[in-house]
Amino acid sequence: MKIKKVVNVLQIIDENKIPSDVEDIMETKYFSEGSNKDIEIGEMDVYHLLRCFNLLLIDRRKLNRILTVIKE
């Protein structure tokens, strides 16, 4: 299911307006190496977004380790 659809369902369930920053985030583009093109986050499948998020966390941990070594 696409992120855009998930957010719309949540809006209906919660009966709240979608926050403006979330609308902006859904329009943000992410470069998909698999597709070799930019994809709007709102057009991403939930599973794809979770995988991307996980890769970013891994990269962040690596970067933090590198910065720690450099500081020492």
PDB file of N, CA and C in Angstrom:
ATOM      1  N   MET A   1       0.844  -1.171   0.000  1.00  0.00           N
ATOM      2  CA  MET A   1       0.000   0.000   0.000  1.00  0.00           C
ATOM      3  C   MET A   1       0.896   1.243   0.000  1.00  0.00           C
ATOM      4  N   LYS A   2       0.527   2.206  -0.787  1.00  0.00           N
ATOM      5  CA  LYS A   2       1.303   3.442  -0.913  1.00  0.00           C
ATOM      6  C   LYS A   2       1.152   4.299   0.347  1.00  0.00           C
ATOM      7  N   ILE A   3       2.203   5.035   0.666  1.00  0.00           N
ATOM      8  CA  ILE A   3       2.214   5.906   1.839  1.00  0.00           C
ATOM      9  C   ILE A   3       1.061   6.911   1.773  1.00  0.00           C
ATOM     10  N   LYS A   4       0.833   7.464   0.598  1.00  0.00           N
ATOM     11  CA  LYS A   4      -0.249   8.442   0.424  1.00  0.00           C
ATOM     12  C   LYS A   4      -1.590   7.841   0.856  1.00  0.00           C
ATOM     13  N   LYS A   5      -1.823   6.598   0.485  1.00  0.00           N
ATOM     14  CA  LYS A   5      -3.084   5.933   0.826  1.00  0.00           C
ATOM     15  C   LYS A   5      -3.154   5.664   2.336  1.00  0.00           C
ATOM     16  N   VAL A   6      -2.033   5.254   2.917  1.00  0.00           N
ATOM     17  CA  VAL A   6      -1.988   4.998   4.361  1.00  0.00           C
ATOM     18  C   VAL A   6      -2.326   6.279   5.124  1.00  0.00           C
ATOM     19  N   VAL A   7      -1.722   7.388   4.723  1.00  0.00           N
ATOM     20  CA  VAL A   7      -1.973   8.671   5.388  1.00  0.00           C
ATOM     21  C   VAL A   7      -3.441   9.076   5.241  1.00  0.00           C
ATOM     22  N   ASN A   8      -4.015   8.866   4.075  1.00  0.00           N
ATOM     23  CA  ASN A   8      -5.435   9.193   3.872  1.00  0.00           C
ATOM     24  C   ASN A   8      -6.344   8.328   4.747  1.00  0.00           C
ATOM     25  N   VAL A   9      -6.012   7.059   4.876  1.00  0.00           N
ATOM     26  CA  VAL A   9      -6.793   6.165   5.747  1.00  0.00           C
ATOM     27  C   VAL A   9      -6.680   6.628   7.197  1.00  0.00           C
ATOM     28  N   LEU A  10      -5.467   6.971   7.622  1.00  0.00           N
ATOM     29  CA  LEU A  10      -5.269   7.452   8.988  1.00  0.00           C
ATOM     30  C   LEU A  10      -6.055   8.729   9.241  1.00  0.00           C
ATOM     31  N   GLN A  11      -6.111   9.576   8.244  1.00  0.00           N
ATOM     32  CA  GLN A  11      -6.861  10.824   8.377  1.00  0.00           C
ATOM     33  C   GLN A  11      -8.342  10.528   8.628  1.00  0.00           C
ATOM     34  N   ILE A  12      -8.869   9.555   7.926  1.00  0.00           N
ATOM     35  CA  ILE A  12     -10.279   9.179   8.088  1.00  0.00           C
ATOM     36  C   ILE A  12     -10.510   8.551   9.465  1.00  0.00           C
ATOM     37  N   ILE A  13      -9.615   7.653   9.866  1.00  0.00           N
ATOM     38  CA  ILE A  13      -9.762   6.971  11.151  1.00  0.00           C
ATOM     39  C   ILE A  13      -9.633   7.952  12.309  1.00  0.00           C
ATOM     40  N   ASP A  14      -8.618   8.807  12.256  1.00  0.00           N
ATOM     41  CA  ASP A  14      -8.352   9.745  13.349  1.00  0.00           C
ATOM     42  C   ASP A  14      -9.215  10.995  13.287  1.00  0.00           C
ATOM     43  N   GLU A  15      -9.862  11.215  12.157  1.00  0.00           N
ATOM     44  CA  GLU A  15     -10.692  12.399  11.938  1.00  0.00           C
ATOM     45  C   GLU A  15      -9.897  13.689  12.144  1.00  0.00           C
ATOM     46  N   ASN A  16      -8.616  13.658  11.810  1.00  0.00           N
ATOM     47  CA  ASN A  16      -7.753  14.836  11.918  1.00  0.00           C
ATOM     48  C   ASN A  16      -7.233  15.217  10.543  1.00  0.00           C
ATOM     49  N   LYS A  17      -6.912  16.497  10.411  1.00  0.00           N
ATOM     50  CA  LYS A  17      -6.312  16.986   9.173  1.00  0.00           C
ATOM     51  C   LYS A  17      -4.875  16.486   9.095  1.00  0.00           C
ATOM     52  N   ILE A  18      -4.419  16.222   7.880  1.00  0.00           N
ATOM     53  CA  ILE A  18      -3.030  15.817   7.682  1.00  0.00           C
ATOM     54  C   ILE A  18      -2.144  17.028   7.984  1.00  0.00           C
ATOM     55  N   PRO A  19      -1.153  16.879   8.876  1.00  0.00           N
ATOM     56  CA  PRO A  19      -0.263  18.005   9.163  1.00  0.00           C
ATOM     57  C   PRO A  19       0.459  18.473   7.897  1.00  0.00           C
ATOM     58  N   SER A  20       0.661  19.780   7.798  1.00  0.00           N
ATOM     59  CA  SER A  20       1.257  20.336   6.580  1.00  0.00           C
ATOM     60  C   SER A  20       2.663  19.801   6.330  1.00  0.00           C
ATOM     61  N   ASP A  21       3.431  19.538   7.410  1.00  0.00           N
ATOM     62  CA  ASP A  21       4.774  19.017   7.188  1.00  0.00           C
ATOM     63  C   ASP A  21       4.734  17.604   6.611  1.00  0.00           C
ATOM     64  N   VAL A  22       3.703  16.843   6.971  1.00  0.00           N
ATOM     65  CA  VAL A  22       3.561  15.486   6.420  1.00  0.00           C
ATOM     66  C   VAL A  22       3.220  15.575   4.935  1.00  0.00           C
ATOM     67  N   GLU A  23       2.384  16.514   4.573  1.00  0.00           N
ATOM     68  CA  GLU A  23       2.069  16.711   3.153  1.00  0.00           C
ATOM     69  C   GLU A  23       3.337  17.063   2.379  1.00  0.00           C
ATOM     70  N   ASP A  24       4.176  17.924   2.967  1.00  0.00           N
ATOM     71  CA  ASP A  24       5.439  18.291   2.319  1.00  0.00           C
ATOM     72  C   ASP A  24       6.375  17.090   2.207  1.00  0.00           C
ATOM     73  N   ILE A  25       6.434  16.304   3.279  1.00  0.00           N
ATOM     74  CA  ILE A  25       7.301  15.119   3.272  1.00  0.00           C
ATOM     75  C   ILE A  25       6.865  14.146   2.179  1.00  0.00           C
ATOM     76  N   MET A  26       5.570  13.977   2.003  1.00  0.00           N
ATOM     77  CA  MET A  26       5.077  13.038   0.984  1.00  0.00           C
ATOM     78  C   MET A  26       5.452  13.478  -0.423  1.00  0.00           C
ATOM     79  N   GLU A  27       5.707  14.788  -0.603  1.00  0.00           N
ATOM     80  CA  GLU A  27       6.111  15.292  -1.922  1.00  0.00           C
ATOM     81  C   GLU A  27       7.625  15.254  -2.116  1.00  0.00           C
ATOM     82  N   THR A  28       8.367  15.006  -1.020  1.00  0.00           N
ATOM     83  CA  THR A  28       9.823  14.928  -1.106  1.00  0.00           C
ATOM     84  C   THR A  28      10.215  13.732  -1.953  1.00  0.00           C
ATOM     85  N   LYS A  29      11.238  13.916  -2.768  1.00  0.00           N
ATOM     86  CA  LYS A  29      11.662  12.827  -3.651  1.00  0.00           C
ATOM     87  C   LYS A  29      12.854  12.088  -3.058  1.00  0.00           C
ATOM     88  N   TYR A  30      12.839  10.785  -3.257  1.00  0.00           N
ATOM     89  CA  TYR A  30      13.892   9.890  -2.803  1.00  0.00           C
ATOM     90  C   TYR A  30      14.427   9.174  -4.035  1.00  0.00           C
ATOM     91  N   PHE A  31      15.756   9.118  -4.174  1.00  0.00           N
ATOM     92  CA  PHE A  31      16.320   8.426  -5.335  1.00  0.00           C
ATOM     93  C   PHE A  31      16.340   6.932  -5.062  1.00  0.00           C
ATOM     94  N   SER A  32      15.625   6.188  -5.874  1.00  0.00           N
ATOM     95  CA  SER A  32      15.577   4.733  -5.765  1.00  0.00           C
ATOM     96  C   SER A  32      16.652   4.137  -6.655  1.00  0.00           C
ATOM     97  N   GLU A  33      17.628   3.500  -6.020  1.00  0.00           N
ATOM     98  CA  GLU A  33      18.697   2.873  -6.798  1.00  0.00           C
ATOM     99  C   GLU A  33      18.166   1.697  -7.614  1.00  0.00           C
ATOM    100  N   GLY A  34      17.178   0.993  -7.068  1.00  0.00           N
ATOM    101  CA  GLY A  34      16.604  -0.140  -7.785  1.00  0.00           C
ATOM    102  C   GLY A  34      15.898   0.273  -9.057  1.00  0.00           C
ATOM    103  N   SER A  35      15.151   1.370  -8.987  1.00  0.00           N
ATOM    104  CA  SER A  35      14.425   1.882 -10.151  1.00  0.00           C
ATOM    105  C   SER A  35      15.248   2.880 -10.950  1.00  0.00           C
ATOM    106  N   ASN A  36      16.338   3.349 -10.340  1.00  0.00           N
ATOM    107  CA  ASN A  36      17.216   4.347 -10.952  1.00  0.00           C
ATOM    108  C   ASN A  36      16.460   5.627 -11.315  1.00  0.00           C
ATOM    109  N   LYS A  37      15.568   6.034 -10.372  1.00  0.00           N
ATOM    110  CA  LYS A  37      14.816   7.270 -10.595  1.00  0.00           C
ATOM    111  C   LYS A  37      14.338   7.829  -9.255  1.00  0.00           C
ATOM    112  N   ASP A  38      13.947   9.106  -9.288  1.00  0.00           N
ATOM    113  CA  ASP A  38      13.381   9.739  -8.102  1.00  0.00           C
ATOM    114  C   ASP A  38      11.936   9.310  -7.926  1.00  0.00           C
ATOM    115  N   ILE A  39      11.564   9.050  -6.670  1.00  0.00           N
ATOM    116  CA  ILE A  39      10.194   8.653  -6.340  1.00  0.00           C
ATOM    117  C   ILE A  39       9.722   9.547  -5.196  1.00  0.00           C
ATOM    118  N   GLU A  40       8.517  10.085  -5.307  1.00  0.00           N
ATOM    119  CA  GLU A  40       7.946  10.839  -4.197  1.00  0.00           C
ATOM    120  C   GLU A  40       7.669   9.864  -3.057  1.00  0.00           C
ATOM    121  N   ILE A  41       7.966  10.292  -1.837  1.00  0.00           N
ATOM    122  CA  ILE A  41       7.759   9.422  -0.688  1.00  0.00           C
ATOM    123  C   ILE A  41       6.307   8.972  -0.604  1.00  0.00           C
ATOM    124  N   GLY A  42       5.368   9.847  -0.927  1.00  0.00           N
ATOM    125  CA  GLY A  42       3.951   9.487  -0.900  1.00  0.00           C
ATOM    126  C   GLY A  42       3.587   8.391  -1.883  1.00  0.00           C
ATOM    127  N   GLU A  43       4.397   8.225  -2.921  1.00  0.00           N
ATOM    128  CA  GLU A  43       4.150   7.192  -3.933  1.00  0.00           C
ATOM    129  C   GLU A  43       4.871   5.875  -3.610  1.00  0.00           C
ATOM    130  N   MET A  44       5.650   5.880  -2.538  1.00  0.00           N
ATOM    131  CA  MET A  44       6.386   4.672  -2.159  1.00  0.00           C
ATOM    132  C   MET A  44       5.461   3.698  -1.452  1.00  0.00           C
ATOM    133  N   ASP A  45       5.741   2.420  -1.619  1.00  0.00           N
ATOM    134  CA  ASP A  45       5.044   1.385  -0.881  1.00  0.00           C
ATOM    135  C   ASP A  45       5.552   1.419   0.564  1.00  0.00           C
ATOM    136  N   VAL A  46       4.710   1.076   1.515  1.00  0.00           N
ATOM    137  CA  VAL A  46       5.098   1.094   2.927  1.00  0.00           C
ATOM    138  C   VAL A  46       6.359   0.263   3.151  1.00  0.00           C
ATOM    139  N   TYR A  47       6.440  -0.909   2.555  1.00  0.00           N
ATOM    140  CA  TYR A  47       7.601  -1.787   2.750  1.00  0.00           C
ATOM    141  C   TYR A  47       8.867  -1.156   2.193  1.00  0.00           C
ATOM    142  N   HIS A  48       8.748  -0.475   1.065  1.00  0.00           N
ATOM    143  CA  HIS A  48       9.887   0.199   0.462  1.00  0.00           C
ATOM    144  C   HIS A  48      10.377   1.314   1.389  1.00  0.00           C
ATOM    145  N   LEU A  49       9.441   2.076   1.942  1.00  0.00           N
ATOM    146  CA  LEU A  49       9.807   3.146   2.860  1.00  0.00           C
ATOM    147  C   LEU A  49      10.520   2.590   4.094  1.00  0.00           C
ATOM    148  N   LEU A  50      10.019   1.492   4.638  1.00  0.00           N
ATOM    149  CA  LEU A  50      10.658   0.885   5.804  1.00  0.00           C
ATOM    150  C   LEU A  50      12.078   0.422   5.480  1.00  0.00           C
ATOM    151  N   ARG A  51      12.268  -0.166   4.312  1.00  0.00           N
ATOM    152  CA  ARG A  51      13.612  -0.599   3.912  1.00  0.00           C
ATOM    153  C   ARG A  51      14.548   0.590   3.750  1.00  0.00           C
ATOM    154  N   CYS A  52      14.060   1.665   3.145  1.00  0.00           N
ATOM    155  CA  CYS A  52      14.866   2.881   2.969  1.00  0.00           C
ATOM    156  C   CYS A  52      15.236   3.470   4.316  1.00  0.00           C
ATOM    157  N   PHE A  53      14.272   3.521   5.203  1.00  0.00           N
ATOM    158  CA  PHE A  53      14.510   4.054   6.543  1.00  0.00           C
ATOM    159  C   PHE A  53      15.577   3.226   7.252  1.00  0.00           C
ATOM    160  N   ASN A  54      15.483   1.926   7.153  1.00  0.00           N
ATOM    161  CA  ASN A  54      16.460   1.043   7.776  1.00  0.00           C
ATOM    162  C   ASN A  54      17.861   1.279   7.206  1.00  0.00           C
ATOM    163  N   LEU A  55      17.968   1.418   5.887  1.00  0.00           N
ATOM    164  CA  LEU A  55      19.274   1.695   5.272  1.00  0.00           C
ATOM    165  C   LEU A  55      19.840   3.024   5.761  1.00  0.00           C
ATOM    166  N   LEU A  56      18.994   4.025   5.909  1.00  0.00           N
ATOM    167  CA  LEU A  56      19.451   5.321   6.406  1.00  0.00           C
ATOM    168  C   LEU A  56      19.933   5.214   7.850  1.00  0.00           C
ATOM    169  N   LEU A  57      19.258   4.399   8.666  1.00  0.00           N
ATOM    170  CA  LEU A  57      19.713   4.186  10.044  1.00  0.00           C
ATOM    171  C   LEU A  57      21.071   3.504  10.076  1.00  0.00           C
ATOM    172  N   ILE A  58      21.256   2.525   9.223  1.00  0.00           N
ATOM    173  CA  ILE A  58      22.540   1.824   9.145  1.00  0.00           C
ATOM    174  C   ILE A  58      23.633   2.805   8.738  1.00  0.00           C
ATOM    175  N   ASP A  59      23.364   3.619   7.725  1.00  0.00           N
ATOM    176  CA  ASP A  59      24.343   4.621   7.275  1.00  0.00           C
ATOM    177  C   ASP A  59      24.661   5.617   8.391  1.00  0.00           C
ATOM    178  N   ARG A  60      23.655   6.003   9.134  1.00  0.00           N
ATOM    179  CA  ARG A  60      23.857   6.955  10.235  1.00  0.00           C
ATOM    180  C   ARG A  60      24.750   6.353  11.310  1.00  0.00           C
ATOM    181  N   ARG A  61      24.515   5.073  11.641  1.00  0.00           N
ATOM    182  CA  ARG A  61      25.358   4.405  12.642  1.00  0.00           C
ATOM    183  C   ARG A  61      26.809   4.334  12.164  1.00  0.00           C
ATOM    184  N   LYS A  62      26.993   4.002  10.900  1.00  0.00           N
ATOM    185  CA  LYS A  62      28.349   3.943  10.342  1.00  0.00           C
ATOM    186  C   LYS A  62      29.022   5.312  10.423  1.00  0.00           C
ATOM    187  N   LEU A  63      28.295   6.352  10.050  1.00  0.00           N
ATOM    188  CA  LEU A  63      28.830   7.699  10.089  1.00  0.00           C
ATOM    189  C   LEU A  63      29.203   8.109  11.513  1.00  0.00           C
ATOM    190  N   ASN A  64      28.355   7.778  12.469  1.00  0.00           N
ATOM    191  CA  ASN A  64      28.652   8.099  13.864  1.00  0.00           C
ATOM    192  C   ASN A  64      29.903   7.374  14.348  1.00  0.00           C
ATOM    193  N   ARG A  65      30.082   6.117  13.934  1.00  0.00           N
ATOM    194  CA  ARG A  65      31.302   5.379  14.307  1.00  0.00           C
ATOM    195  C   ARG A  65      32.536   6.032  13.707  1.00  0.00           C
ATOM    196  N   ILE A  66      32.436   6.447  12.456  1.00  0.00           N
ATOM    197  CA  ILE A  66      33.558   7.111  11.782  1.00  0.00           C
ATOM    198  C   ILE A  66      33.897   8.416  12.486  1.00  0.00           C
ATOM    199  N   LEU A  67      32.871   9.207  12.820  1.00  0.00           N
ATOM    200  CA  LEU A  67      33.100  10.481  13.500  1.00  0.00           C
ATOM    201  C   LEU A  67      33.721  10.267  14.875  1.00  0.00           C
ATOM    202  N   THR A  68      33.317   9.217  15.569  1.00  0.00           N
ATOM    203  CA  THR A  68      33.893   8.899  16.884  1.00  0.00           C
ATOM    204  C   THR A  68      35.374   8.574  16.739  1.00  0.00           C
ATOM    205  N   VAL A  69      35.737   7.790  15.739  1.00  0.00           N
ATOM    206  CA  VAL A  69      37.134   7.438  15.503  1.00  0.00           C
ATOM    207  C   VAL A  69      37.946   8.683  15.150  1.00  0.00           C
ATOM    208  N   ILE A  70      37.401   9.540  14.341  1.00  0.00           N
ATOM    209  CA  ILE A  70      38.103  10.762  13.933  1.00  0.00           C
ATOM    210  C   ILE A  70      38.352  11.671  15.139  1.00  0.00           C
ATOM    211  N   LYS A  71      37.378  11.758  16.046  1.00  0.00           N
ATOM    212  CA  LYS A  71      37.495  12.620  17.222  1.00  0.00           C
ATOM    213  C   LYS A  71      38.546  12.111  18.218  1.00  0.00           C
ATOM    214  N   GLU A  72      38.773  10.796  18.210  1.00  0.00           N
ATOM    215  CA  GLU A  72      39.711  10.201  19.185  1.00  0.00           C
ATOM    216  C   GLU A  72      41.122  10.430  18.829  1.00  0.00           C
TER     217      GLU A  72
END
